[in-house]
Amino acid sequence: MSQSPSADQLEVVQRRLLEVRQQVSRVYIGDPAPIDMILVGLLARGHVLLEGVPGVAKTTLVKTFAATLDARVRRIQFTPDLLPADITGTYVLSPKDGSFSFRAGPIFANIVLADEINRAPAKTQSALLEAMQERQVTVEGDRFELPEPFFVLATQNPIDLEGTYPLPEAQIDRFLLSVSMGYPSASDEVAMLRTHGVSAPEPAVVLRSGEVPQLQALADRVHVEEDLAAYCVGLASFTRGHAKVSLGASPRASLGLLRAAKAHALLAGRGYCAPDDVIAVAPHVLAHRLILAPEDEGDASARAAIVSEALTHVGYRRAVRAL
């Protein structure tokens, strides 16, 4: 078993992540919770989906966060005419010698900003599936490794808006976290109006791309008791037997829940995982993966309510161990 992060390592990590928060908050005005969830996704080697109506600063948030990392960043604006090859890349013919060479698409980056991902049809959305799960793409039978770290930050408008397409279930499952961004508070909106028309400050680079795998490795080493792993499985199992759910959280969701909880603990400066870490990330890890029964599919708040019900009914019990 790997050793948990030391106190010195935890202090350094917490200080660096606090600097990221501060730099993002210089530009993004609003609830700081989405910033923390993006950091959790980065530490847990997961991908994050931001959902919300147009105009709530989803794109501003992800662009500002990306600017705090010294990494290769590419943005993909999803539109109905976007093709899979526009994302992954394709082979092109060289007129000079008649040979084909591979031209890499924007997916070959450390951070990929997939803006309005549900504006494109399912065929194009599926171009991200292999990349998000395997960290590779296959073009014409040839496999190409993606750079490390590889992190997808996607934004999505509500699926009932005109010109949007629901994401396939298999792709939704590849997002470790889903974060709902609502309207800002009145005070935050007033602050936005005051700064409108003023050049936004440039966020400083805080993390180098080579440091991110080191932070992810520290998150892997966060200590987890077996009882807490059983708690994660219990939450996922509760959704599978719920009357309003036709397809509950999969074992991948259980794994994701534990990974996110460990990252949340590291973000809090702890080398061990606590039940509160699981509770904090469970709504973001589980809710978007649930497929509801047809009669409840139209209820936007039903998924969150089911996860809340799971947290209420599934208790954490620490096992008694003999000395």
C-alpha atoms as a PDB file:
ATOM      1  CA  MET A   1       0.000   0.000   0.000  1.00  0.00           C
ATOM      2  CA  SER A   2       1.375   3.422  -0.951  1.00  0.00           C
ATOM      3  CA  GLN A   3       2.162   5.906   1.779  1.00  0.00           C
ATOM      4  CA  SER A   4      -0.240   8.792   2.322  1.00  0.00           C
ATOM      5  CA  PRO A   5       0.981  12.303   1.411  1.00  0.00           C
ATOM      6  CA  SER A   6       3.149  13.914   4.099  1.00  0.00           C
ATOM      7  CA  ALA A   7       2.157  17.057   5.990  1.00  0.00           C
ATOM      8  CA  ASP A   8       4.681  19.108   3.998  1.00  0.00           C
ATOM      9  CA  GLN A   9       3.324  17.831   0.695  1.00  0.00           C
ATOM     10  CA  LEU A  10      -0.240  18.568   1.754  1.00  0.00           C
ATOM     11  CA  GLU A  11       0.687  22.106   2.741  1.00  0.00           C
ATOM     12  CA  VAL A  12       2.374  22.775  -0.601  1.00  0.00           C
ATOM     13  CA  VAL A  13      -0.514  21.312  -2.593  1.00  0.00           C
ATOM     14  CA  GLN A  14      -3.127  23.273  -0.675  1.00  0.00           C
ATOM     15  CA  ARG A  15      -1.175  26.499  -1.171  1.00  0.00           C
ATOM     16  CA  ARG A  16      -0.806  25.943  -4.924  1.00  0.00           C
ATOM     17  CA  LEU A  17      -4.462  25.066  -5.398  1.00  0.00           C
ATOM     18  CA  LEU A  18      -5.491  28.109  -3.380  1.00  0.00           C
ATOM     19  CA  GLU A  19      -3.444  30.219  -5.801  1.00  0.00           C
ATOM     20  CA  VAL A  20      -5.399  28.699  -8.701  1.00  0.00           C
ATOM     21  CA  ARG A  21      -8.676  29.594  -6.982  1.00  0.00           C
ATOM     22  CA  GLN A  22      -7.522  33.151  -6.407  1.00  0.00           C
ATOM     23  CA  GLN A  23      -6.388  33.655  -9.994  1.00  0.00           C
ATOM     24  CA  VAL A  24      -9.645  32.289 -11.411  1.00  0.00           C
ATOM     25  CA  SER A  25     -11.672  34.484  -9.030  1.00  0.00           C
ATOM     26  CA  ARG A  26      -9.941  37.568 -10.424  1.00  0.00           C
ATOM     27  CA  VAL A  27     -11.888  37.056 -13.668  1.00  0.00           C
ATOM     28  CA  TYR A  28     -14.814  34.769 -12.842  1.00  0.00           C
ATOM     29  CA  ILE A  29     -17.456  36.332 -10.586  1.00  0.00           C
ATOM     30  CA  GLY A  30     -19.863  33.845  -9.070  1.00  0.00           C
ATOM     31  CA  ASP A  31     -20.252  30.782  -6.893  1.00  0.00           C
ATOM     32  CA  PRO A  32     -16.762  29.381  -6.119  1.00  0.00           C
ATOM     33  CA  ALA A  33     -18.074  25.797  -5.885  1.00  0.00           C
ATOM     34  CA  PRO A  34     -17.627  25.092  -9.642  1.00  0.00           C
ATOM     35  CA  ILE A  35     -13.954  26.113  -9.349  1.00  0.00           C
ATOM     36  CA  ASP A  36     -13.431  23.494  -6.642  1.00  0.00           C
ATOM     37  CA  MET A  37     -15.199  20.808  -8.695  1.00  0.00           C
ATOM     38  CA  ILE A  38     -12.988  21.561 -11.704  1.00  0.00           C
ATOM     39  CA  LEU A  39      -9.940  21.179  -9.458  1.00  0.00           C
ATOM     40  CA  VAL A  40     -11.344  17.882  -8.158  1.00  0.00           C
ATOM     41  CA  GLY A  41     -11.751  16.674 -11.731  1.00  0.00           C
ATOM     42  CA  LEU A  42      -8.186  17.647 -12.588  1.00  0.00           C
ATOM     43  CA  LEU A  43      -6.724  15.918  -9.517  1.00  0.00           C
ATOM     44  CA  ALA A  44      -8.817  12.791 -10.085  1.00  0.00           C
ATOM     45  CA  ARG A  45      -7.848  12.467 -13.776  1.00  0.00           C
ATOM     46  CA  GLY A  46     -11.469  12.974 -14.742  1.00  0.00           C
ATOM     47  CA  HIS A  47     -13.394  15.226 -17.086  1.00  0.00           C
ATOM     48  CA  VAL A  48     -15.942  17.871 -16.115  1.00  0.00           C
ATOM     49  CA  LEU A  49     -19.232  18.881 -17.716  1.00  0.00           C
ATOM     50  CA  LEU A  50     -20.617  22.345 -16.878  1.00  0.00           C
ATOM     51  CA  GLU A  51     -24.348  22.719 -17.447  1.00  0.00           C
ATOM     52  CA  GLY A  52     -26.361  25.926 -17.479  1.00  0.00           C
ATOM     53  CA  VAL A  53     -28.344  28.357 -19.573  1.00  0.00           C
ATOM     54  CA  PRO A  54     -26.469  30.706 -21.913  1.00  0.00           C
ATOM     55  CA  GLY A  55     -24.883  33.733 -20.255  1.00  0.00           C
ATOM     56  CA  VAL A  56     -23.919  32.340 -16.831  1.00  0.00           C
ATOM     57  CA  ALA A  57     -20.153  32.482 -17.537  1.00  0.00           C
ATOM     58  CA  LYS A  58     -19.526  28.785 -18.234  1.00  0.00           C
ATOM     59  CA  THR A  59     -17.047  29.524 -21.009  1.00  0.00           C
ATOM     60  CA  THR A  60     -15.437  32.353 -19.036  1.00  0.00           C
ATOM     61  CA  LEU A  61     -14.841  29.984 -16.140  1.00  0.00           C
ATOM     62  CA  VAL A  62     -13.219  27.214 -18.176  1.00  0.00           C
ATOM     63  CA  LYS A  63     -11.079  29.625 -20.229  1.00  0.00           C
ATOM     64  CA  THR A  64      -9.851  31.372 -17.085  1.00  0.00           C
ATOM     65  CA  PHE A  65      -9.076  28.086 -15.360  1.00  0.00           C
ATOM     66  CA  ALA A  66      -7.138  26.882 -18.389  1.00  0.00           C
ATOM     67  CA  ALA A  67      -5.110  30.109 -18.365  1.00  0.00           C
ATOM     68  CA  THR A  68      -3.762  29.298 -14.878  1.00  0.00           C
ATOM     69  CA  LEU A  69      -2.024  26.208 -16.230  1.00  0.00           C
ATOM     70  CA  ASP A  70       1.074  26.362 -18.381  1.00  0.00           C
ATOM     71  CA  ALA A  71      -0.264  23.730 -20.755  1.00  0.00           C
ATOM     72  CA  ARG A  72      -1.402  23.392 -24.334  1.00  0.00           C
ATOM     73  CA  VAL A  73      -5.024  24.499 -24.516  1.00  0.00           C
ATOM     74  CA  ARG A  74      -7.357  24.068 -27.475  1.00  0.00           C
ATOM     75  CA  ARG A  75     -10.960  25.176 -27.781  1.00  0.00           C
ATOM     76  CA  ILE A  76     -13.556  23.382 -29.892  1.00  0.00           C
ATOM     77  CA  GLN A  77     -16.771  25.249 -30.642  1.00  0.00           C
ATOM     78  CA  PHE A  78     -19.356  22.552 -31.263  1.00  0.00           C
ATOM     79  CA  THR A  79     -21.812  23.300 -34.076  1.00  0.00           C
ATOM     80  CA  PRO A  80     -24.277  21.134 -36.050  1.00  0.00           C
ATOM     81  CA  ASP A  81     -21.893  20.959 -39.025  1.00  0.00           C
ATOM     82  CA  LEU A  82     -18.821  19.908 -37.008  1.00  0.00           C
ATOM     83  CA  LEU A  83     -17.396  16.577 -38.203  1.00  0.00           C
ATOM     84  CA  PRO A  84     -15.591  13.922 -36.114  1.00  0.00           C
ATOM     85  CA  ALA A  85     -12.412  14.502 -38.142  1.00  0.00           C
ATOM     86  CA  ASP A  86     -12.531  18.166 -37.120  1.00  0.00           C
ATOM     87  CA  ILE A  87     -11.881  16.954 -33.561  1.00  0.00           C
ATOM     88  CA  THR A  88      -9.570  13.962 -33.925  1.00  0.00           C
ATOM     89  CA  GLY A  89      -7.696  14.990 -37.072  1.00  0.00           C
ATOM     90  CA  THR A  90      -7.326  13.178 -40.381  1.00  0.00           C
ATOM     91  CA  TYR A  91      -4.870  12.098 -43.038  1.00  0.00           C
ATOM     92  CA  VAL A  92      -4.194  14.669 -45.753  1.00  0.00           C
ATOM     93  CA  LEU A  93      -2.614  14.189 -49.155  1.00  0.00           C
ATOM     94  CA  SER A  94       0.630  15.978 -49.923  1.00  0.00           C
ATOM     95  CA  PRO A  95       0.502  17.203 -53.548  1.00  0.00           C
ATOM     96  CA  LYS A  96       4.302  17.312 -53.689  1.00  0.00           C
ATOM     97  CA  ASP A  97       5.024  13.604 -53.262  1.00  0.00           C
ATOM     98  CA  GLY A  98       1.558  12.048 -53.269  1.00  0.00           C
ATOM     99  CA  SER A  99       1.899  10.661 -49.729  1.00  0.00           C
ATOM    100  CA  PHE A 100      -0.558  10.922 -46.860  1.00  0.00           C
ATOM    101  CA  SER A 101       0.397  12.449 -43.519  1.00  0.00           C
ATOM    102  CA  PHE A 102      -1.597  12.744 -40.320  1.00  0.00           C
ATOM    103  CA  ARG A 103      -2.791  16.212 -39.363  1.00  0.00           C
ATOM    104  CA  ALA A 104      -3.648  16.205 -35.659  1.00  0.00           C
ATOM    105  CA  GLY A 105      -6.923  17.761 -34.551  1.00  0.00           C
ATOM    106  CA  PRO A 106      -7.536  19.993 -31.520  1.00  0.00           C
ATOM    107  CA  ILE A 107      -8.039  16.954 -29.293  1.00  0.00           C
ATOM    108  CA  PHE A 108      -4.228  16.700 -29.072  1.00  0.00           C
ATOM    109  CA  ALA A 109      -3.897  19.136 -26.190  1.00  0.00           C
ATOM    110  CA  ASN A 110      -3.507  19.039 -22.427  1.00  0.00           C
ATOM    111  CA  ILE A 111      -6.766  20.902 -21.821  1.00  0.00           C
ATOM    112  CA  VAL A 112      -9.609  20.712 -24.322  1.00  0.00           C
ATOM    113  CA  LEU A 113     -12.423  23.240 -23.960  1.00  0.00           C
ATOM    114  CA  ALA A 114     -15.470  21.659 -25.597  1.00  0.00           C
ATOM    115  CA  ASP A 115     -17.834  24.613 -25.818  1.00  0.00           C
ATOM    116  CA  GLU A 116     -21.585  23.913 -26.163  1.00  0.00           C
ATOM    117  CA  ILE A 117     -20.893  20.230 -26.677  1.00  0.00           C
ATOM    118  CA  ASN A 118     -24.567  19.402 -27.193  1.00  0.00           C
ATOM    119  CA  ARG A 119     -24.839  21.697 -30.226  1.00  0.00           C
ATOM    120  CA  ALA A 120     -23.381  18.887 -32.360  1.00  0.00           C
ATOM    121  CA  PRO A 121     -25.163  15.616 -33.233  1.00  0.00           C
ATOM    122  CA  ALA A 122     -24.300  12.304 -31.584  1.00  0.00           C
ATOM    123  CA  LYS A 123     -21.888  11.157 -34.317  1.00  0.00           C
ATOM    124  CA  THR A 124     -19.617  14.123 -33.684  1.00  0.00           C
ATOM    125  CA  GLN A 125     -19.986  13.961 -29.909  1.00  0.00           C
ATOM    126  CA  SER A 126     -18.896  10.329 -30.020  1.00  0.00           C
ATOM    127  CA  ALA A 127     -15.520  11.380 -31.448  1.00  0.00           C
ATOM    128  CA  LEU A 128     -14.574  12.235 -27.870  1.00  0.00           C
ATOM    129  CA  LEU A 129     -15.468   8.827 -26.411  1.00  0.00           C
ATOM    130  CA  GLU A 130     -12.207   6.981 -27.013  1.00  0.00           C
ATOM    131  CA  ALA A 131     -10.140  10.057 -26.178  1.00  0.00           C
ATOM    132  CA  MET A 132     -11.850  10.628 -22.837  1.00  0.00           C
ATOM    133  CA  GLN A 133     -11.712   7.003 -21.734  1.00  0.00           C
ATOM    134  CA  GLU A 134      -8.470   5.661 -23.237  1.00  0.00           C
ATOM    135  CA  ARG A 135      -6.416   8.848 -23.660  1.00  0.00           C
ATOM    136  CA  GLN A 136      -5.908   7.939 -27.310  1.00  0.00           C
ATOM    137  CA  VAL A 137      -7.590   8.298 -30.695  1.00  0.00           C
ATOM    138  CA  THR A 138      -7.788   5.880 -33.597  1.00  0.00           C
ATOM    139  CA  VAL A 139      -7.818   7.281 -37.127  1.00  0.00           C
ATOM    140  CA  GLU A 140      -7.963   4.954 -40.131  1.00  0.00           C
ATOM    141  CA  GLY A 141      -6.850   2.088 -37.901  1.00  0.00           C
ATOM    142  CA  ASP A 142      -3.825   3.925 -36.543  1.00  0.00           C
ATOM    143  CA  ARG A 143      -3.615   4.656 -32.813  1.00  0.00           C
ATOM    144  CA  PHE A 144      -2.281   7.967 -31.512  1.00  0.00           C
ATOM    145  CA  GLU A 145      -1.537   8.647 -27.847  1.00  0.00           C
ATOM    146  CA  LEU A 146      -2.805  11.890 -26.329  1.00  0.00           C
ATOM    147  CA  PRO A 147      -0.511  14.084 -24.221  1.00  0.00           C
ATOM    148  CA  GLU A 148      -0.380  13.958 -20.429  1.00  0.00           C
ATOM    149  CA  PRO A 149      -2.159  15.472 -18.657  1.00  0.00           C
ATOM    150  CA  PHE A 150      -5.350  15.283 -20.736  1.00  0.00           C
ATOM    151  CA  PHE A 151      -8.387  17.094 -19.353  1.00  0.00           C
ATOM    152  CA  VAL A 152     -11.712  17.817 -21.072  1.00  0.00           C
ATOM    153  CA  LEU A 153     -13.790  20.737 -19.813  1.00  0.00           C
ATOM    154  CA  ALA A 154     -17.124  20.807 -21.605  1.00  0.00           C
ATOM    155  CA  THR A 155     -20.045  23.217 -21.418  1.00  0.00           C
ATOM    156  CA  GLN A 156     -23.608  22.259 -22.184  1.00  0.00           C
ATOM    157  CA  ASN A 157     -26.833  24.205 -22.545  1.00  0.00           C
ATOM    158  CA  PRO A 158     -30.110  22.711 -21.295  1.00  0.00           C
ATOM    159  CA  ILE A 159     -31.170  20.055 -23.783  1.00  0.00           C
ATOM    160  CA  ASP A 160     -34.636  21.543 -24.290  1.00  0.00           C
ATOM    161  CA  LEU A 161     -33.186  24.644 -25.932  1.00  0.00           C
ATOM    162  CA  GLU A 162     -33.509  24.979 -29.683  1.00  0.00           C
ATOM    163  CA  GLY A 163     -30.676  23.396 -31.677  1.00  0.00           C
ATOM    164  CA  THR A 164     -29.351  21.130 -28.927  1.00  0.00           C
ATOM    165  CA  TYR A 165     -28.947  17.348 -28.876  1.00  0.00           C
ATOM    166  CA  PRO A 166     -28.925  15.128 -25.773  1.00  0.00           C
ATOM    167  CA  LEU A 167     -25.514  13.611 -25.097  1.00  0.00           C
ATOM    168  CA  PRO A 168     -25.376   9.815 -25.573  1.00  0.00           C
ATOM    169  CA  GLU A 169     -25.480   7.923 -22.288  1.00  0.00           C
ATOM    170  CA  ALA A 170     -22.075   6.360 -22.941  1.00  0.00           C
ATOM    171  CA  GLN A 171     -20.495   9.790 -23.310  1.00  0.00           C
ATOM    172  CA  ILE A 172     -22.195  11.245 -20.237  1.00  0.00           C
ATOM    173  CA  ASP A 173     -20.717   8.349 -18.254  1.00  0.00           C
ATOM    174  CA  ARG A 174     -17.212   9.448 -19.305  1.00  0.00           C
ATOM    175  CA  PHE A 175     -17.590  12.729 -17.461  1.00  0.00           C
ATOM    176  CA  LEU A 176     -16.425  12.191 -13.905  1.00  0.00           C
ATOM    177  CA  LEU A 177     -18.269  15.284 -12.665  1.00  0.00           C
ATOM    178  CA  SER A 178     -21.241  17.309 -13.807  1.00  0.00           C
ATOM    179  CA  VAL A 179     -21.624  20.799 -12.357  1.00  0.00           C
ATOM    180  CA  SER A 180     -24.831  22.785 -12.679  1.00  0.00           C
ATOM    181  CA  MET A 181     -24.271  26.528 -12.943  1.00  0.00           C
ATOM    182  CA  GLY A 182     -27.294  28.602 -12.053  1.00  0.00           C
ATOM    183  CA  TYR A 183     -27.859  32.320 -12.085  1.00  0.00           C
ATOM    184  CA  PRO A 184     -25.455  34.410  -9.980  1.00  0.00           C
ATOM    185  CA  SER A 185     -26.542  36.040  -6.745  1.00  0.00           C
ATOM    186  CA  ALA A 186     -27.729  39.626  -6.850  1.00  0.00           C
ATOM    187  CA  SER A 187     -24.484  40.903  -5.349  1.00  0.00           C
ATOM    188  CA  ASP A 188     -22.381  38.950  -7.845  1.00  0.00           C
ATOM    189  CA  GLU A 189     -24.467  40.250 -10.733  1.00  0.00           C
ATOM    190  CA  VAL A 190     -24.035  43.818  -9.503  1.00  0.00           C
ATOM    191  CA  ALA A 191     -20.275  43.223  -9.391  1.00  0.00           C
ATOM    192  CA  MET A 192     -20.431  41.993 -12.984  1.00  0.00           C
ATOM    193  CA  LEU A 193     -22.214  45.169 -14.077  1.00  0.00           C
ATOM    194  CA  ARG A 194     -19.615  47.321 -12.338  1.00  0.00           C
ATOM    195  CA  THR A 195     -16.750  45.617 -14.137  1.00  0.00           C
ATOM    196  CA  HIS A 196     -18.484  45.459 -17.534  1.00  0.00           C
ATOM    197  CA  GLY A 197     -16.501  47.279 -20.182  1.00  0.00           C
ATOM    198  CA  VAL A 198     -13.317  47.176 -18.126  1.00  0.00           C
ATOM    199  CA  SER A 199     -10.478  45.016 -19.403  1.00  0.00           C
ATOM    200  CA  ALA A 200     -10.441  41.808 -17.370  1.00  0.00           C
ATOM    201  CA  PRO A 201      -7.163  41.056 -15.549  1.00  0.00           C
ATOM    202  CA  GLU A 202      -4.997  38.327 -17.010  1.00  0.00           C
ATOM    203  CA  PRO A 203      -4.818  35.348 -14.645  1.00  0.00           C
ATOM    204  CA  ALA A 204      -1.274  34.356 -13.792  1.00  0.00           C
ATOM    205  CA  VAL A 205       0.069  30.910 -14.592  1.00  0.00           C
ATOM    206  CA  VAL A 206       0.165  28.898 -11.368  1.00  0.00           C
ATOM    207  CA  LEU A 207       0.742  25.274 -12.368  1.00  0.00           C
ATOM    208  CA  ARG A 208       3.096  23.875 -14.960  1.00  0.00           C
ATOM    209  CA  SER A 209       1.853  20.975 -17.054  1.00  0.00           C
ATOM    210  CA  GLY A 210       4.572  18.744 -15.589  1.00  0.00           C
ATOM    211  CA  GLU A 211       3.309  19.397 -12.049  1.00  0.00           C
ATOM    212  CA  VAL A 212      -0.219  18.151 -12.724  1.00  0.00           C
ATOM    213  CA  PRO A 213       0.701  14.419 -12.888  1.00  0.00           C
ATOM    214  CA  GLN A 214       2.552  14.854  -9.589  1.00  0.00           C
ATOM    215  CA  LEU A 215      -0.559  16.300  -7.952  1.00  0.00           C
ATOM    216  CA  GLN A 216      -2.657  13.507  -9.432  1.00  0.00           C
ATOM    217  CA  ALA A 217      -0.257  10.949  -8.007  1.00  0.00           C
ATOM    218  CA  LEU A 218      -0.640  12.528  -4.562  1.00  0.00           C
ATOM    219  CA  ALA A 219      -4.440  12.271  -4.888  1.00  0.00           C
ATOM    220  CA  ASP A 220      -4.041   8.569  -5.661  1.00  0.00           C
ATOM    221  CA  ARG A 221      -2.146   8.159  -2.379  1.00  0.00           C
ATOM    222  CA  VAL A 222      -4.886   9.655  -0.184  1.00  0.00           C
ATOM    223  CA  HIS A 223      -5.801   7.004   2.389  1.00  0.00           C
ATOM    224  CA  VAL A 224      -9.253   5.397   2.178  1.00  0.00           C
ATOM    225  CA  GLU A 225     -10.683   2.998   4.740  1.00  0.00           C
ATOM    226  CA  GLU A 226     -12.522  -0.060   3.420  1.00  0.00           C
ATOM    227  CA  ASP A 227     -15.676   1.134   5.183  1.00  0.00           C
ATOM    228  CA  LEU A 228     -15.646   4.271   3.038  1.00  0.00           C
ATOM    229  CA  ALA A 229     -15.314   2.234  -0.146  1.00  0.00           C
ATOM    230  CA  ALA A 230     -18.345   0.237   0.989  1.00  0.00           C
ATOM    231  CA  TYR A 231     -20.183   3.538   1.551  1.00  0.00           C
ATOM    232  CA  CYS A 232     -19.519   4.550  -2.068  1.00  0.00           C
ATOM    233  CA  VAL A 233     -20.839   1.202  -3.313  1.00  0.00           C
ATOM    234  CA  GLY A 234     -23.902   1.579  -1.092  1.00  0.00           C
ATOM    235  CA  LEU A 235     -24.764   4.949  -2.606  1.00  0.00           C
ATOM    236  CA  ALA A 236     -24.414   3.624  -6.143  1.00  0.00           C
ATOM    237  CA  SER A 237     -26.427   0.492  -5.305  1.00  0.00           C
ATOM    238  CA  PHE A 238     -29.244   2.611  -3.895  1.00  0.00           C
ATOM    239  CA  THR A 239     -29.760   4.276  -7.278  1.00  0.00           C
ATOM    240  CA  ARG A 240     -29.903   0.916  -9.061  1.00  0.00           C
ATOM    241  CA  GLY A 241     -32.926  -0.216  -7.066  1.00  0.00           C
ATOM    242  CA  HIS A 242     -34.804   3.091  -7.033  1.00  0.00           C
ATOM    243  CA  ALA A 243     -38.343   2.983  -8.418  1.00  0.00           C
ATOM    244  CA  LYS A 244     -37.819   6.068 -10.576  1.00  0.00           C
ATOM    245  CA  VAL A 245     -34.543   4.857 -12.116  1.00  0.00           C
ATOM    246  CA  SER A 246     -34.416   2.518 -15.097  1.00  0.00           C
ATOM    247  CA  LEU A 247     -30.609   2.416 -15.165  1.00  0.00           C
ATOM    248  CA  GLY A 248     -28.658   3.327 -12.044  1.00  0.00           C
ATOM    249  CA  ALA A 249     -25.055   4.250 -11.364  1.00  0.00           C
ATOM    250  CA  SER A 250     -22.573   1.743 -12.793  1.00  0.00           C
ATOM    251  CA  PRO A 251     -19.414   0.352 -11.157  1.00  0.00           C
ATOM    252  CA  ARG A 252     -17.549   3.058 -13.106  1.00  0.00           C
ATOM    253  CA  ALA A 253     -19.610   5.557 -11.098  1.00  0.00           C
ATOM    254  CA  SER A 254     -18.539   3.882  -7.830  1.00  0.00           C
ATOM    255  CA  LEU A 255     -14.904   4.113  -8.880  1.00  0.00           C
ATOM    256  CA  GLY A 256     -15.392   7.716  -9.931  1.00  0.00           C
ATOM    257  CA  LEU A 257     -17.041   8.560  -6.630  1.00  0.00           C
ATOM    258  CA  LEU A 258     -14.056   7.259  -4.672  1.00  0.00           C
ATOM    259  CA  ARG A 259     -11.517   8.997  -6.948  1.00  0.00           C
ATOM    260  CA  ALA A 260     -13.367  12.302  -6.661  1.00  0.00           C
ATOM    261  CA  ALA A 261     -13.632  11.949  -2.872  1.00  0.00           C
ATOM    262  CA  LYS A 262      -9.867  11.396  -2.612  1.00  0.00           C
ATOM    263  CA  ALA A 263      -9.230  14.484  -4.757  1.00  0.00           C
ATOM    264  CA  HIS A 264     -11.638  16.499  -2.606  1.00  0.00           C
ATOM    265  CA  ALA A 265      -9.743  15.416   0.509  1.00  0.00           C
ATOM    266  CA  LEU A 266      -6.438  16.530  -1.036  1.00  0.00           C
ATOM    267  CA  LEU A 267      -8.039  19.846  -1.985  1.00  0.00           C
ATOM    268  CA  ALA A 268      -8.988  20.262   1.679  1.00  0.00           C
ATOM    269  CA  GLY A 269      -5.398  19.584   2.744  1.00  0.00           C
ATOM    270  CA  ARG A 270      -5.971  16.106   4.170  1.00  0.00           C
ATOM    271  CA  GLY A 271      -4.113  12.880   3.460  1.00  0.00           C
ATOM    272  CA  TYR A 272      -7.126  10.744   4.309  1.00  0.00           C
ATOM    273  CA  CYS A 273     -10.649  10.522   2.924  1.00  0.00           C
ATOM    274  CA  ALA A 274     -13.674  11.233   5.129  1.00  0.00           C
ATOM    275  CA  PRO A 275     -17.411  10.628   4.639  1.00  0.00           C
ATOM    276  CA  ASP A 276     -17.879  14.363   4.123  1.00  0.00           C
ATOM    277  CA  ASP A 277     -15.682  14.135   1.019  1.00  0.00           C
ATOM    278  CA  VAL A 278     -17.970  11.502  -0.473  1.00  0.00           C
ATOM    279  CA  ILE A 279     -21.062  13.527   0.430  1.00  0.00           C
ATOM    280  CA  ALA A 280     -19.590  16.673  -1.163  1.00  0.00           C
ATOM    281  CA  VAL A 281     -18.903  15.080  -4.547  1.00  0.00           C
ATOM    282  CA  ALA A 282     -21.725  12.500  -4.766  1.00  0.00           C
ATOM    283  CA  PRO A 283     -24.312  14.833  -6.413  1.00  0.00           C
ATOM    284  CA  HIS A 284     -21.776  15.792  -9.093  1.00  0.00           C
ATOM    285  CA  VAL A 285     -20.591  12.228  -9.735  1.00  0.00           C
ATOM    286  CA  LEU A 286     -23.848  10.262  -9.628  1.00  0.00           C
ATOM    287  CA  ALA A 287     -26.775  12.436 -10.713  1.00  0.00           C
ATOM    288  CA  HIS A 288     -25.892  12.914 -14.392  1.00  0.00           C
ATOM    289  CA  ARG A 289     -25.335   9.161 -14.861  1.00  0.00           C
ATOM    290  CA  LEU A 290     -28.856   8.127 -13.851  1.00  0.00           C
ATOM    291  CA  ILE A 291     -31.333   7.175 -16.572  1.00  0.00           C
ATOM    292  CA  LEU A 292     -34.813   7.743 -15.240  1.00  0.00           C
ATOM    293  CA  ALA A 293     -38.004   5.883 -16.008  1.00  0.00           C
ATOM    294  CA  PRO A 294     -39.916   7.414 -18.954  1.00  0.00           C
ATOM    295  CA  GLU A 295     -42.574   9.021 -16.735  1.00  0.00           C
ATOM    296  CA  ASP A 296     -39.919  10.904 -14.764  1.00  0.00           C
ATOM    297  CA  GLU A 297     -37.441  11.679 -17.555  1.00  0.00           C
ATOM    298  CA  GLY A 298     -38.740  15.218 -18.040  1.00  0.00           C
ATOM    299  CA  ASP A 299     -38.213  16.231 -14.407  1.00  0.00           C
ATOM    300  CA  ALA A 300     -34.945  18.188 -14.371  1.00  0.00           C
ATOM    301  CA  SER A 301     -34.556  17.986 -10.598  1.00  0.00           C
ATOM    302  CA  ALA A 302     -35.414  14.292 -10.219  1.00  0.00           C
ATOM    303  CA  ARG A 303     -31.827  13.041 -10.553  1.00  0.00           C
ATOM    304  CA  ALA A 304     -30.520  15.379  -7.882  1.00  0.00           C
ATOM    305  CA  ALA A 305     -33.423  14.401  -5.613  1.00  0.00           C
ATOM    306  CA  ILE A 306     -32.589  10.704  -5.982  1.00  0.00           C
ATOM    307  CA  VAL A 307     -28.954  11.280  -5.019  1.00  0.00           C
ATOM    308  CA  SER A 308     -30.084  13.364  -2.062  1.00  0.00           C
ATOM    309  CA  GLU A 309     -32.382  10.517  -1.062  1.00  0.00           C
ATOM    310  CA  ALA A 310     -29.450   8.085  -1.297  1.00  0.00           C
ATOM    311  CA  LEU A 311     -27.337  10.285   0.977  1.00  0.00           C
ATOM    312  CA  THR A 312     -30.218  10.387   3.469  1.00  0.00           C
ATOM    313  CA  HIS A 313     -30.948   6.664   3.542  1.00  0.00           C
ATOM    314  CA  VAL A 314     -27.494   5.134   3.115  1.00  0.00           C
ATOM    315  CA  GLY A 315     -25.539   5.575   6.313  1.00  0.00           C
ATOM    316  CA  TYR A 316     -21.811   5.343   6.869  1.00  0.00           C
ATOM    317  CA  ARG A 317     -20.930   2.808   9.517  1.00  0.00           C
ATOM    318  CA  ARG A 318     -17.368   2.387  10.620  1.00  0.00           C
ATOM    319  CA  ALA A 319     -16.647  -1.266  11.281  1.00  0.00           C
ATOM    320  CA  VAL A 320     -15.472  -2.326  14.727  1.00  0.00           C
ATOM    321  CA  ARG A 321     -12.018  -3.842  14.474  1.00  0.00           C
ATOM    322  CA  ALA A 322     -10.366  -6.103  16.989  1.00  0.00           C
ATOM    323  CA  LEU A 323      -7.196  -4.785  18.599  1.00  0.00           C
END
